[in-house]
C-alpha atoms as a PDB file:
ATOM      1  CA  MET A   1       5.598 -18.001  25.261  1.00  0.00           C
ATOM      2  CA  THR A   2       6.967 -14.503  24.623  1.00  0.00           C
ATOM      3  CA  ILE A   3       5.414 -12.032  22.220  1.00  0.00           C
ATOM      4  CA  ASP A   4       8.483 -12.458  19.976  1.00  0.00           C
ATOM      5  CA  ASN A   5       7.788 -16.194  19.759  1.00  0.00           C
ATOM      6  CA  THR A   6       4.187 -15.418  18.812  1.00  0.00           C
ATOM      7  CA  ILE A   7       5.327 -13.167  15.958  1.00  0.00           C
ATOM      8  CA  ASP A   8       7.847 -15.751  14.775  1.00  0.00           C
ATOM      9  CA  ALA A   9       5.155 -18.441  14.697  1.00  0.00           C
ATOM     10  CA  LEU A  10       2.694 -16.107  12.960  1.00  0.00           C
ATOM     11  CA  VAL A  11       5.186 -15.340  10.176  1.00  0.00           C
ATOM     12  CA  ARG A  12       6.110 -18.990   9.784  1.00  0.00           C
ATOM     13  CA  GLU A  13       2.518 -20.242   9.603  1.00  0.00           C
ATOM     14  CA  LEU A  14       1.306 -17.520   7.245  1.00  0.00           C
ATOM     15  CA  SER A  15       4.160 -18.009   4.790  1.00  0.00           C
ATOM     16  CA  PRO A  16       2.766 -21.034   2.893  1.00  0.00           C
ATOM     17  CA  LEU A  17      -0.741 -19.581   2.486  1.00  0.00           C
ATOM     18  CA  ARG A  18      -1.796 -18.677  -1.048  1.00  0.00           C
ATOM     19  CA  PHE A  19      -4.633 -16.410  -2.153  1.00  0.00           C
ATOM     20  CA  GLY A  20      -6.407 -16.512  -5.484  1.00  0.00           C
ATOM     21  CA  PRO A  21      -7.964 -13.834  -7.713  1.00  0.00           C
ATOM     22  CA  PRO A  22      -8.956 -11.080  -7.379  1.00  0.00           C
ATOM     23  CA  VAL A  23      -5.986 -10.865  -4.961  1.00  0.00           C
ATOM     24  CA  SER A  24      -2.801 -10.502  -6.982  1.00  0.00           C
ATOM     25  CA  HIS A  25      -0.287  -9.317  -4.373  1.00  0.00           C
ATOM     26  CA  VAL A  26       0.149 -10.062  -0.660  1.00  0.00           C
ATOM     27  CA  TYR A  27       2.541  -8.166   1.619  1.00  0.00           C
ATOM     28  CA  ASN A  28       3.631  -9.241   5.091  1.00  0.00           C
ATOM     29  CA  PRO A  29       5.347  -6.320   6.859  1.00  0.00           C
ATOM     30  CA  LEU A  30       6.273  -8.660   9.712  1.00  0.00           C
ATOM     31  CA  GLU A  31       8.829 -10.035   7.260  1.00  0.00           C
ATOM     32  CA  TYR A  32      10.299  -7.022   5.439  1.00  0.00           C
ATOM     33  CA  ALA A  33       9.671  -4.428   8.201  1.00  0.00           C
ATOM     34  CA  ARG A  34      10.437  -6.696  11.147  1.00  0.00           C
ATOM     35  CA  LYS A  35      13.136  -4.421  12.597  1.00  0.00           C
ATOM     36  CA  SER A  36      10.763  -1.541  13.226  1.00  0.00           C
ATOM     37  CA  HIS A  37       8.027  -3.898  14.404  1.00  0.00           C
ATOM     38  CA  ASP A  38      10.437  -5.387  16.949  1.00  0.00           C
ATOM     39  CA  LEU A  39      11.350  -1.898  18.157  1.00  0.00           C
ATOM     40  CA  TYR A  40       7.648  -1.197  18.650  1.00  0.00           C
ATOM     41  CA  LEU A  41       7.117  -4.405  20.632  1.00  0.00           C
ATOM     42  CA  HIS A  42      10.193  -3.987  22.796  1.00  0.00           C
ATOM     43  CA  GLN A  43       9.598  -0.305  23.565  1.00  0.00           C
ATOM     44  CA  TYR A  44       5.861  -0.398  24.103  1.00  0.00           C
ATOM     45  CA  GLY A  45       4.714  -4.015  24.452  1.00  0.00           C
ATOM     46  CA  LYS A  46       5.463  -4.574  28.111  1.00  0.00           C
ATOM     47  CA  SER A  47       2.808  -6.447  30.086  1.00  0.00           C
ATOM     48  CA  PRO A  48       0.293  -5.891  31.603  1.00  0.00           C
ATOM     49  CA  LYS A  49      -2.048  -3.493  29.781  1.00  0.00           C
ATOM     50  CA  THR A  50      -5.521  -2.224  30.557  1.00  0.00           C
ATOM     51  CA  ALA A  51      -6.741  -2.422  26.964  1.00  0.00           C
ATOM     52  CA  VAL A  52      -5.620  -3.635  23.557  1.00  0.00           C
ATOM     53  CA  LEU A  53      -6.962  -1.642  20.598  1.00  0.00           C
ATOM     54  CA  MET A  54      -7.084  -4.027  17.642  1.00  0.00           C
ATOM     55  CA  GLY A  55      -7.431  -3.090  13.987  1.00  0.00           C
ATOM     56  CA  MET A  56      -8.200  -5.307  11.002  1.00  0.00           C
ATOM     57  CA  ASN A  57      -5.009  -5.435   8.908  1.00  0.00           C
ATOM     58  CA  PRO A  58      -2.334  -3.020   7.634  1.00  0.00           C
ATOM     59  CA  GLY A  59      -3.080  -0.082   5.396  1.00  0.00           C
ATOM     60  CA  PRO A  60      -0.881   0.448   2.310  1.00  0.00           C
ATOM     61  CA  TRP A  61       0.535   3.739   3.622  1.00  0.00           C
ATOM     62  CA  GLY A  62       0.668   2.768   7.284  1.00  0.00           C
ATOM     63  CA  MET A  63       1.872  -0.532   8.714  1.00  0.00           C
ATOM     64  CA  ALA A  64       2.712  -1.725   5.211  1.00  0.00           C
ATOM     65  CA  GLN A  65       5.407   0.976   5.155  1.00  0.00           C
ATOM     66  CA  THR A  66       6.577   1.090   8.781  1.00  0.00           C
ATOM     67  CA  GLY A  67       5.781  -2.298  10.328  1.00  0.00           C
ATOM     68  CA  VAL A  68       3.816  -0.616  13.135  1.00  0.00           C
ATOM     69  CA  PRO A  69       0.015  -1.013  13.476  1.00  0.00           C
ATOM     70  CA  PHE A  70      -1.827   2.051  12.127  1.00  0.00           C
ATOM     71  CA  GLY A  71       1.755   3.136  11.426  1.00  0.00           C
ATOM     72  CA  GLU A  72       1.455   6.459   9.643  1.00  0.00           C
ATOM     73  CA  VAL A  73       5.081   7.433   8.913  1.00  0.00           C
ATOM     74  CA  GLY A  74       5.119  10.799  10.674  1.00  0.00           C
ATOM     75  CA  ALA A  75       3.497   9.452  13.833  1.00  0.00           C
ATOM     76  CA  VAL A  76       5.798   6.429  14.072  1.00  0.00           C
ATOM     77  CA  ARG A  77       8.972   8.389  13.441  1.00  0.00           C
ATOM     78  CA  ASP A  78       8.214  11.631  15.281  1.00  0.00           C
ATOM     79  CA  TRP A  79       6.009  10.570  18.209  1.00  0.00           C
ATOM     80  CA  LEU A  80       6.773   6.904  18.795  1.00  0.00           C
ATOM     81  CA  ASP A  81      10.445   7.601  18.007  1.00  0.00           C
ATOM     82  CA  ILE A  82      10.767   4.480  15.871  1.00  0.00           C
ATOM     83  CA  GLU A  83      12.692   4.326  12.617  1.00  0.00           C
ATOM     84  CA  ALA A  84      14.538   1.384  11.113  1.00  0.00           C
ATOM     85  CA  PRO A  85      15.538   0.062   7.689  1.00  0.00           C
ATOM     86  CA  VAL A  86      12.619  -1.463   5.796  1.00  0.00           C
ATOM     87  CA  GLY A  87      13.020  -4.005   3.026  1.00  0.00           C
ATOM     88  CA  THR A  88      10.558  -4.829   0.264  1.00  0.00           C
ATOM     89  CA  PRO A  89       8.193  -7.707  -0.488  1.00  0.00           C
ATOM     90  CA  ALA A  90       9.403 -10.276  -2.981  1.00  0.00           C
ATOM     91  CA  HIS A  91       6.463  -9.518  -5.288  1.00  0.00           C
ATOM     92  CA  MET A  92       5.697  -5.793  -5.154  1.00  0.00           C
ATOM     93  CA  HIS A  93       2.743  -4.094  -6.809  1.00  0.00           C
ATOM     94  CA  PRO A  94       3.881  -1.198  -9.035  1.00  0.00           C
ATOM     95  CA  LYS A  95       1.044   0.987  -7.740  1.00  0.00           C
ATOM     96  CA  ARG A  96       1.766   0.166  -4.081  1.00  0.00           C
ATOM     97  CA  PRO A  97       5.536   0.521  -3.649  1.00  0.00           C
ATOM     98  CA  ILE A  98       7.117   0.004  -0.251  1.00  0.00           C
ATOM     99  CA  GLU A  99       9.324   2.994   0.527  1.00  0.00           C
ATOM    100  CA  GLY A 100       9.505   2.557   4.289  1.00  0.00           C
ATOM    101  CA  PHE A 101      10.109   5.728   6.251  1.00  0.00           C
ATOM    102  CA  ALA A 102      10.765   7.620   3.009  1.00  0.00           C
ATOM    103  CA  CYS A 103       7.096   7.204   2.049  1.00  0.00           C
ATOM    104  CA  GLU A 104       5.512  10.630   1.653  1.00  0.00           C
ATOM    105  CA  LYS A 105       1.903   9.458   1.632  1.00  0.00           C
ATOM    106  CA  SER A 106      -0.042   9.741   4.855  1.00  0.00           C
ATOM    107  CA  GLU A 107      -2.491   7.151   6.161  1.00  0.00           C
ATOM    108  CA  VAL A 108      -5.479   8.998   7.559  1.00  0.00           C
ATOM    109  CA  SER A 109      -6.560   6.228   9.949  1.00  0.00           C
ATOM    110  CA  GLY A 110      -3.130   6.094  11.568  1.00  0.00           C
ATOM    111  CA  ARG A 111      -2.823   9.854  11.682  1.00  0.00           C
ATOM    112  CA  ARG A 112      -6.143  10.095  13.499  1.00  0.00           C
ATOM    113  CA  LEU A 113      -5.476   7.295  15.982  1.00  0.00           C
ATOM    114  CA  TRP A 114      -1.947   8.307  16.955  1.00  0.00           C
ATOM    115  CA  GLY A 115      -2.878  11.989  16.774  1.00  0.00           C
ATOM    116  CA  TRP A 116      -5.575  11.355  19.385  1.00  0.00           C
ATOM    117  CA  ALA A 117      -3.119   9.426  21.560  1.00  0.00           C
ATOM    118  CA  LYS A 118      -0.583  12.255  21.367  1.00  0.00           C
ATOM    119  CA  GLU A 119      -3.139  14.968  22.096  1.00  0.00           C
ATOM    120  CA  ARG A 120      -4.696  13.203  25.068  1.00  0.00           C
ATOM    121  CA  PHE A 121      -1.726  11.402  26.628  1.00  0.00           C
ATOM    122  CA  VAL A 122       1.112  13.700  25.497  1.00  0.00           C
ATOM    123  CA  THR A 123       3.852  11.044  25.675  1.00  0.00           C
ATOM    124  CA  PRO A 124       3.986   7.501  24.306  1.00  0.00           C
ATOM    125  CA  ASP A 125       4.964   6.129  27.720  1.00  0.00           C
ATOM    126  CA  ARG A 126       1.817   7.572  29.253  1.00  0.00           C
ATOM    127  CA  PHE A 127      -0.386   6.076  26.536  1.00  0.00           C
ATOM    128  CA  PHE A 128       1.289   2.667  26.518  1.00  0.00           C
ATOM    129  CA  SER A 129       1.208   2.389  30.292  1.00  0.00           C
ATOM    130  CA  GLN A 130      -2.410   1.324  29.770  1.00  0.00           C
ATOM    131  CA  PHE A 131      -2.916   0.695  26.056  1.00  0.00           C
ATOM    132  CA  PHE A 132      -1.433  -1.336  23.241  1.00  0.00           C
ATOM    133  CA  VAL A 133      -2.317  -1.155  19.548  1.00  0.00           C
ATOM    134  CA  ALA A 134      -2.277  -4.274  17.374  1.00  0.00           C
ATOM    135  CA  ASN A 135      -3.716  -5.658  14.148  1.00  0.00           C
ATOM    136  CA  TYR A 136      -5.660  -8.898  13.899  1.00  0.00           C
ATOM    137  CA  CYS A 137      -4.100  -9.868  10.559  1.00  0.00           C
ATOM    138  CA  PRO A 138      -0.636  -8.657   9.479  1.00  0.00           C
ATOM    139  CA  LEU A 139      -1.165  -9.264   5.754  1.00  0.00           C
ATOM    140  CA  VAL A 140      -1.965  -6.650   3.102  1.00  0.00           C
ATOM    141  CA  PHE A 141      -4.085  -7.899   0.176  1.00  0.00           C
ATOM    142  CA  MET A 142      -4.163  -6.065  -3.153  1.00  0.00           C
ATOM    143  CA  GLU A 143      -5.961  -6.608  -6.421  1.00  0.00           C
ATOM    144  CA  GLU A 144      -4.339  -6.188  -9.844  1.00  0.00           C
ATOM    145  CA  SER A 145      -5.720  -2.644 -10.051  1.00  0.00           C
ATOM    146  CA  GLY A 146      -3.956  -1.758  -6.797  1.00  0.00           C
ATOM    147  CA  ARG A 147      -7.219  -1.706  -4.871  1.00  0.00           C
ATOM    148  CA  ASN A 148      -7.001  -2.833  -1.264  1.00  0.00           C
ATOM    149  CA  ARG A 149      -8.938  -6.010  -0.409  1.00  0.00           C
ATOM    150  CA  THR A 150      -9.794  -6.542   3.229  1.00  0.00           C
ATOM    151  CA  PRO A 151      -9.627  -9.999   4.885  1.00  0.00           C
ATOM    152  CA  ASP A 152     -13.389 -10.214   5.353  1.00  0.00           C
ATOM    153  CA  LYS A 153     -13.804 -10.161   1.547  1.00  0.00           C
ATOM    154  CA  LEU A 154     -11.643 -13.248   0.959  1.00  0.00           C
ATOM    155  CA  PRO A 155     -13.256 -16.566  -0.109  1.00  0.00           C
ATOM    156  CA  LYS A 156     -14.511 -18.763   2.712  1.00  0.00           C
ATOM    157  CA  ALA A 157     -11.796 -21.427   2.369  1.00  0.00           C
ATOM    158  CA  GLU A 158      -9.022 -18.818   2.413  1.00  0.00           C
ATOM    159  CA  LYS A 159     -10.533 -17.052   5.418  1.00  0.00           C
ATOM    160  CA  LYS A 160     -10.785 -20.315   7.368  1.00  0.00           C
ATOM    161  CA  LEU A 161      -7.048 -20.996   7.148  1.00  0.00           C
ATOM    162  CA  LEU A 162      -6.046 -17.363   7.675  1.00  0.00           C
ATOM    163  CA  PHE A 163      -8.366 -16.774  10.624  1.00  0.00           C
ATOM    164  CA  ALA A 164      -7.259 -19.948  12.424  1.00  0.00           C
ATOM    165  CA  ILE A 165      -3.657 -18.696  12.413  1.00  0.00           C
ATOM    166  CA  CYS A 166      -4.547 -15.114  13.362  1.00  0.00           C
ATOM    167  CA  ASP A 167      -6.923 -16.292  16.116  1.00  0.00           C
ATOM    168  CA  GLN A 168      -4.132 -18.266  17.743  1.00  0.00           C
ATOM    169  CA  ALA A 169      -1.740 -15.316  17.572  1.00  0.00           C
ATOM    170  CA  LEU A 170      -4.367 -13.040  19.113  1.00  0.00           C
ATOM    171  CA  ARG A 171      -4.990 -15.458  21.978  1.00  0.00           C
ATOM    172  CA  GLU A 172      -1.269 -15.661  22.713  1.00  0.00           C
ATOM    173  CA  THR A 173      -0.930 -11.879  22.547  1.00  0.00           C
ATOM    174  CA  VAL A 174      -3.788 -11.439  25.019  1.00  0.00           C
ATOM    175  CA  GLU A 175      -2.335 -14.088  27.324  1.00  0.00           C
ATOM    176  CA  TYR A 176       0.954 -12.194  27.312  1.00  0.00           C
ATOM    177  CA  LEU A 177      -0.404  -8.630  27.700  1.00  0.00           C
ATOM    178  CA  GLN A 178      -3.168  -9.633  30.174  1.00  0.00           C
ATOM    179  CA  PRO A 179      -5.556  -6.804  29.258  1.00  0.00           C
ATOM    180  CA  ARG A 180      -8.938  -6.420  30.875  1.00  0.00           C
ATOM    181  CA  TYR A 181     -10.360  -5.107  27.578  1.00  0.00           C
ATOM    182  CA  VAL A 182      -9.852  -5.961  23.920  1.00  0.00           C
ATOM    183  CA  VAL A 183     -11.381  -3.237  21.780  1.00  0.00           C
ATOM    184  CA  GLY A 184     -11.953  -3.837  18.099  1.00  0.00           C
ATOM    185  CA  VAL A 185     -11.302  -0.798  15.941  1.00  0.00           C
ATOM    186  CA  GLY A 186     -14.278  -1.412  13.700  1.00  0.00           C
ATOM    187  CA  VAL A 187     -16.890  -4.157  13.403  1.00  0.00           C
ATOM    188  CA  PHE A 188     -14.669  -6.811  11.812  1.00  0.00           C
ATOM    189  CA  ALA A 189     -11.986  -6.596  14.497  1.00  0.00           C
ATOM    190  CA  GLU A 190     -14.587  -6.836  17.252  1.00  0.00           C
ATOM    191  CA  SER A 191     -16.157  -9.903  15.621  1.00  0.00           C
ATOM    192  CA  ARG A 192     -12.800 -11.672  15.329  1.00  0.00           C
ATOM    193  CA  ALA A 193     -11.935 -10.858  18.932  1.00  0.00           C
ATOM    194  CA  LYS A 194     -15.225 -12.380  20.079  1.00  0.00           C
ATOM    195  CA  ALA A 195     -14.554 -15.542  18.080  1.00  0.00           C
ATOM    196  CA  ALA A 196     -10.868 -15.917  18.942  1.00  0.00           C
ATOM    197  CA  LEU A 197     -11.097 -15.037  22.636  1.00  0.00           C
ATOM    198  CA  LYS A 198     -14.240 -16.956  23.517  1.00  0.00           C
ATOM    199  CA  GLY A 199     -13.964 -18.304  27.050  1.00  0.00           C
ATOM    200  CA  MET A 200     -11.111 -15.982  28.044  1.00  0.00           C
ATOM    201  CA  ASP A 201     -11.496 -13.561  30.939  1.00  0.00           C
ATOM    202  CA  VAL A 202     -11.547 -10.363  28.892  1.00  0.00           C
ATOM    203  CA  ILE A 203     -14.167  -7.732  28.051  1.00  0.00           C
ATOM    204  CA  ILE A 204     -14.619  -7.242  24.307  1.00  0.00           C
ATOM    205  CA  GLY A 205     -15.998  -4.091  22.730  1.00  0.00           C
ATOM    206  CA  ARG A 206     -15.687  -1.773  19.754  1.00  0.00           C
ATOM    207  CA  ILE A 207     -14.867   1.768  18.763  1.00  0.00           C
ATOM    208  CA  THR A 208     -15.539   3.388  15.400  1.00  0.00           C
ATOM    209  CA  HIS A 209     -12.835   2.868  12.791  1.00  0.00           C
ATOM    210  CA  PRO A 210     -11.014   6.137  11.971  1.00  0.00           C
ATOM    211  CA  SER A 211     -10.974   5.484   8.210  1.00  0.00           C
ATOM    212  CA  PRO A 212     -12.058   8.430   6.022  1.00  0.00           C
ATOM    213  CA  ALA A 213     -14.280   5.906   4.212  1.00  0.00           C
ATOM    214  CA  ASN A 214     -16.388   5.802   7.378  1.00  0.00           C
ATOM    215  CA  PRO A 215     -18.738   8.841   7.439  1.00  0.00           C
ATOM    216  CA  ARG A 216     -19.016   8.775  11.247  1.00  0.00           C
ATOM    217  CA  ALA A 217     -15.235   9.029  11.564  1.00  0.00           C
ATOM    218  CA  ASN A 218     -15.181  12.240   9.560  1.00  0.00           C
ATOM    219  CA  ARG A 219     -17.257  14.106  12.127  1.00  0.00           C
ATOM    220  CA  GLY A 220     -14.834  14.271  15.052  1.00  0.00           C
ATOM    221  CA  TRP A 221     -13.425  10.754  15.385  1.00  0.00           C
ATOM    222  CA  ALA A 222     -11.339  11.439  18.503  1.00  0.00           C
ATOM    223  CA  GLU A 223     -14.303  12.699  20.518  1.00  0.00           C
ATOM    224  CA  LEU A 224     -16.450   9.807  19.329  1.00  0.00           C
ATOM    225  CA  ALA A 225     -13.798   7.204  20.185  1.00  0.00           C
ATOM    226  CA  GLU A 226     -13.363   8.661  23.671  1.00  0.00           C
ATOM    227  CA  LYS A 227     -17.090   8.413  24.330  1.00  0.00           C
ATOM    228  CA  GLU A 228     -17.123   4.829  23.106  1.00  0.00           C
ATOM    229  CA  LEU A 229     -14.151   3.883  25.298  1.00  0.00           C
ATOM    230  CA  GLY A 230     -15.843   5.513  28.277  1.00  0.00           C
ATOM    231  CA  ALA A 231     -19.058   3.616  27.584  1.00  0.00           C
ATOM    232  CA  LEU A 232     -17.080   0.374  27.723  1.00  0.00           C
ATOM    233  CA  GLY A 233     -15.879   1.319  31.198  1.00  0.00           C
ATOM    234  CA  ILE A 234     -12.264   1.988  30.323  1.00  0.00           C
ATOM    235  CA  GLY A 235     -11.690   4.553  33.027  1.00  0.00           C
ATOM    236  CA  GLY A 236      -8.040   5.086  32.204  1.00  0.00           C
ATOM    237  CA  VAL A 237      -8.975   7.531  29.459  1.00  0.00           C
ATOM    238  CA  THR A 238     -11.007   9.742  31.765  1.00  0.00           C
ATOM    239  CA  ASP A 239      -8.507   9.461  34.624  1.00  0.00           C
ATOM    240  CA  LEU A 240      -5.575  10.525  32.486  1.00  0.00           C
ATOM    241  CA  LEU A 241      -7.469  13.392  30.928  1.00  0.00           C
ATOM    242  CA  GLN A 242      -8.151  14.782  34.389  1.00  0.00           C
ATOM    243  CA  ASN A 243      -4.496  14.678  35.454  1.00  0.00           C
END
């Protein structure tokens, strides 16, 4: 199975799912921002990789706008060199409009992650020769107020259906990319990787999430993440920094 087939199946299987209050709006950027997501996969998703860095789900000003994981607009357009037409969800929240690459808001988590990659590896090709960045769940959940609701806060029955689909997609992605490491960006992503990839020949670990809501991330996230990657034994970071 190719990674494109995995994305097709993920979109198809997520489509009939429904989520109750307090969730009022659900976006799937794999539908309305598929063109830029495909560019990301085709330019940077070649197998094999040393490590997959896996986040939780899209942020409203990141992947929700660009279709790229942690996809802060400036980083995707100016460093990854990806820009494509972006549509809109069928049911759009008035406080969370989708403006695609015209969005002027900046997602801090994406800016930190891709900013670190640019600073340390200089070029995307150098970074993606060893790494790939993905999200466990492609859906964005919002409450009526516009507040973001993360997948771990969904009711048990909704999580069971959602996680079964996302687990399968993650397994297929790992089978395709053949990484030695899968690194959760945050506790939730690590926990889902451990559950979904049980029995597979892959080392699972975690780095601190770069969200500004995380106090540890606001005290030099890049340096902290590098130390955590090194502690996992991902030597590619150290090797490339020495070159």
